[in-house]
Amino acid sequence: MKLLIFLFLNSFLLSSPGITEIMPTKSEILKKSNECFNISEKQECKKLILQIEKLQVVEFERNRFKCQSSLLGLQSTLIESKLLESSSTKLKKIMIPYVKKNC
């Protein structure tokens, strides 16, 4: 399963080489995550997954590992729910509060 998620994420990173968007704030990421869980627009969710990846790097560089781990969990949940088309209502309820708490 981890390998599958890793392959999906790498394919998104490689398929979008010139992303020059401004990184959203954590509150915007939470808002977009909720929208992503509730709608079926995969392209917007893919963009969000990449933005969360960038934010993870920033948090890592700040030595904020709890926040980074929470963002990773949210990102994994988004990948599982949208790209693998899995039902993740339960997971959504678990990950959003961790990001709020740790970031």
Protein backbone atom coordinates (compact mmCIF):
# COMPACT_ATOMS: atom_id res chain seq x y z
CA MET A 1 0.00 0.00 0.00
CA LYS A 2 2.79 2.43 0.91
CA LEU A 3 4.53 1.67 -2.37
CA LEU A 4 1.34 2.39 -4.29
CA ILE A 5 0.89 5.75 -2.54
CA PHE A 6 4.55 6.57 -3.17
CA LEU A 7 4.18 5.78 -6.87
CA PHE A 8 1.03 7.92 -7.16
CA LEU A 9 2.72 10.85 -5.46
CA ASN A 10 5.83 10.59 -7.62
CA SER A 11 3.77 10.49 -10.78
CA PHE A 12 2.04 13.71 -9.73
CA LEU A 13 5.30 15.43 -8.94
CA LEU A 14 6.78 14.43 -12.26
CA SER A 15 3.67 15.31 -14.26
CA SER A 16 3.58 18.87 -12.89
CA PRO A 17 7.17 20.12 -13.24
CA GLY A 18 6.61 23.89 -13.24
CA ILE A 19 4.21 24.52 -10.41
CA THR A 20 4.78 28.11 -9.36
CA GLU A 21 1.72 28.68 -7.23
CA ILE A 22 1.93 30.52 -3.95
CA MET A 23 1.85 28.12 -1.03
CA PRO A 24 -1.47 28.34 0.82
CA THR A 25 -1.72 28.89 4.56
CA LYS A 26 -2.57 26.04 6.88
CA SER A 27 -6.14 27.29 7.27
CA GLU A 28 -6.53 27.35 3.48
CA ILE A 29 -5.17 23.80 3.29
CA LEU A 30 -7.71 22.64 5.87
CA LYS A 31 -10.53 24.36 4.00
CA LYS A 32 -9.42 22.91 0.66
CA SER A 33 -9.00 19.47 2.26
CA ASN A 34 -12.60 19.51 3.46
CA GLU A 35 -13.71 20.54 -0.02
CA CYS A 36 -11.59 17.82 -1.56
CA PHE A 37 -13.16 15.17 0.67
CA ASN A 38 -16.64 16.35 -0.31
CA ILE A 39 -16.29 16.93 -4.07
CA SER A 40 -15.15 14.74 -6.91
CA GLU A 41 -12.75 17.17 -8.67
CA LYS A 42 -9.53 15.14 -8.79
CA GLN A 43 -7.39 17.82 -10.44
CA GLU A 44 -7.89 20.28 -7.57
CA CYS A 45 -7.12 17.53 -5.08
CA LYS A 46 -3.90 16.70 -6.93
CA LYS A 47 -2.84 20.35 -6.66
CA LEU A 48 -3.63 20.32 -2.96
CA ILE A 49 -1.58 17.17 -2.44
CA LEU A 50 1.42 18.87 -4.03
CA GLN A 51 0.92 21.99 -1.93
CA ILE A 52 0.81 19.90 1.24
CA GLU A 53 4.07 18.27 0.12
CA LYS A 54 5.72 21.70 -0.11
CA LEU A 55 4.40 22.69 3.29
CA GLN A 56 5.76 19.46 4.77
CA VAL A 57 9.25 20.42 3.61
CA VAL A 58 8.90 23.85 5.22
CA GLU A 59 7.80 22.32 8.51
CA PHE A 60 10.64 19.80 8.37
CA GLU A 61 13.17 22.60 7.92
CA ARG A 62 11.68 24.32 10.97
CA ASN A 63 12.06 21.07 12.98
CA ARG A 64 8.29 20.95 13.49
CA PHE A 65 7.99 17.21 13.07
CA LYS A 66 4.54 16.82 14.65
CA CYS A 67 3.13 19.27 12.14
CA GLN A 68 4.98 17.60 9.28
CA SER A 69 3.67 14.18 10.33
CA SER A 70 0.13 15.49 10.61
CA LEU A 71 0.36 17.01 7.13
CA LEU A 72 1.72 13.71 5.81
CA GLY A 73 -1.25 11.89 7.34
CA LEU A 74 -3.68 14.35 5.77
CA GLN A 75 -1.93 14.02 2.44
CA SER A 76 -2.08 10.22 2.59
CA THR A 77 -5.76 10.36 3.46
CA LEU A 78 -6.46 12.63 0.48
CA ILE A 79 -4.56 10.29 -1.83
CA GLU A 80 -6.46 7.30 -0.51
CA SER A 81 -9.87 8.95 -0.70
CA LYS A 82 -9.62 10.66 -4.09
CA LEU A 83 -7.09 8.82 -6.15
CA LEU A 84 -7.83 5.34 -4.93
CA GLU A 85 -11.52 6.24 -4.60
CA SER A 86 -11.79 4.83 -1.13
CA SER A 87 -14.32 5.87 1.47
CA SER A 88 -12.45 7.93 4.05
CA THR A 89 -15.08 9.75 6.07
CA LYS A 90 -13.71 8.14 9.21
CA LEU A 91 -10.10 9.00 8.31
CA LYS A 92 -11.05 12.58 7.45
CA LYS A 93 -12.49 13.07 10.90
CA ILE A 94 -9.24 11.81 12.41
CA MET A 95 -6.65 13.77 10.38
CA ILE A 96 -8.10 17.29 10.26
CA PRO A 97 -7.96 17.76 14.07
CA TYR A 98 -4.34 16.58 14.17
CA VAL A 99 -3.32 19.19 11.62
CA LYS A 100 -5.21 21.85 13.59
CA LYS A 101 -3.60 20.76 16.84
CA ASN A 102 -0.02 20.24 15.66
CA CYS A 103 0.30 23.06 13.16
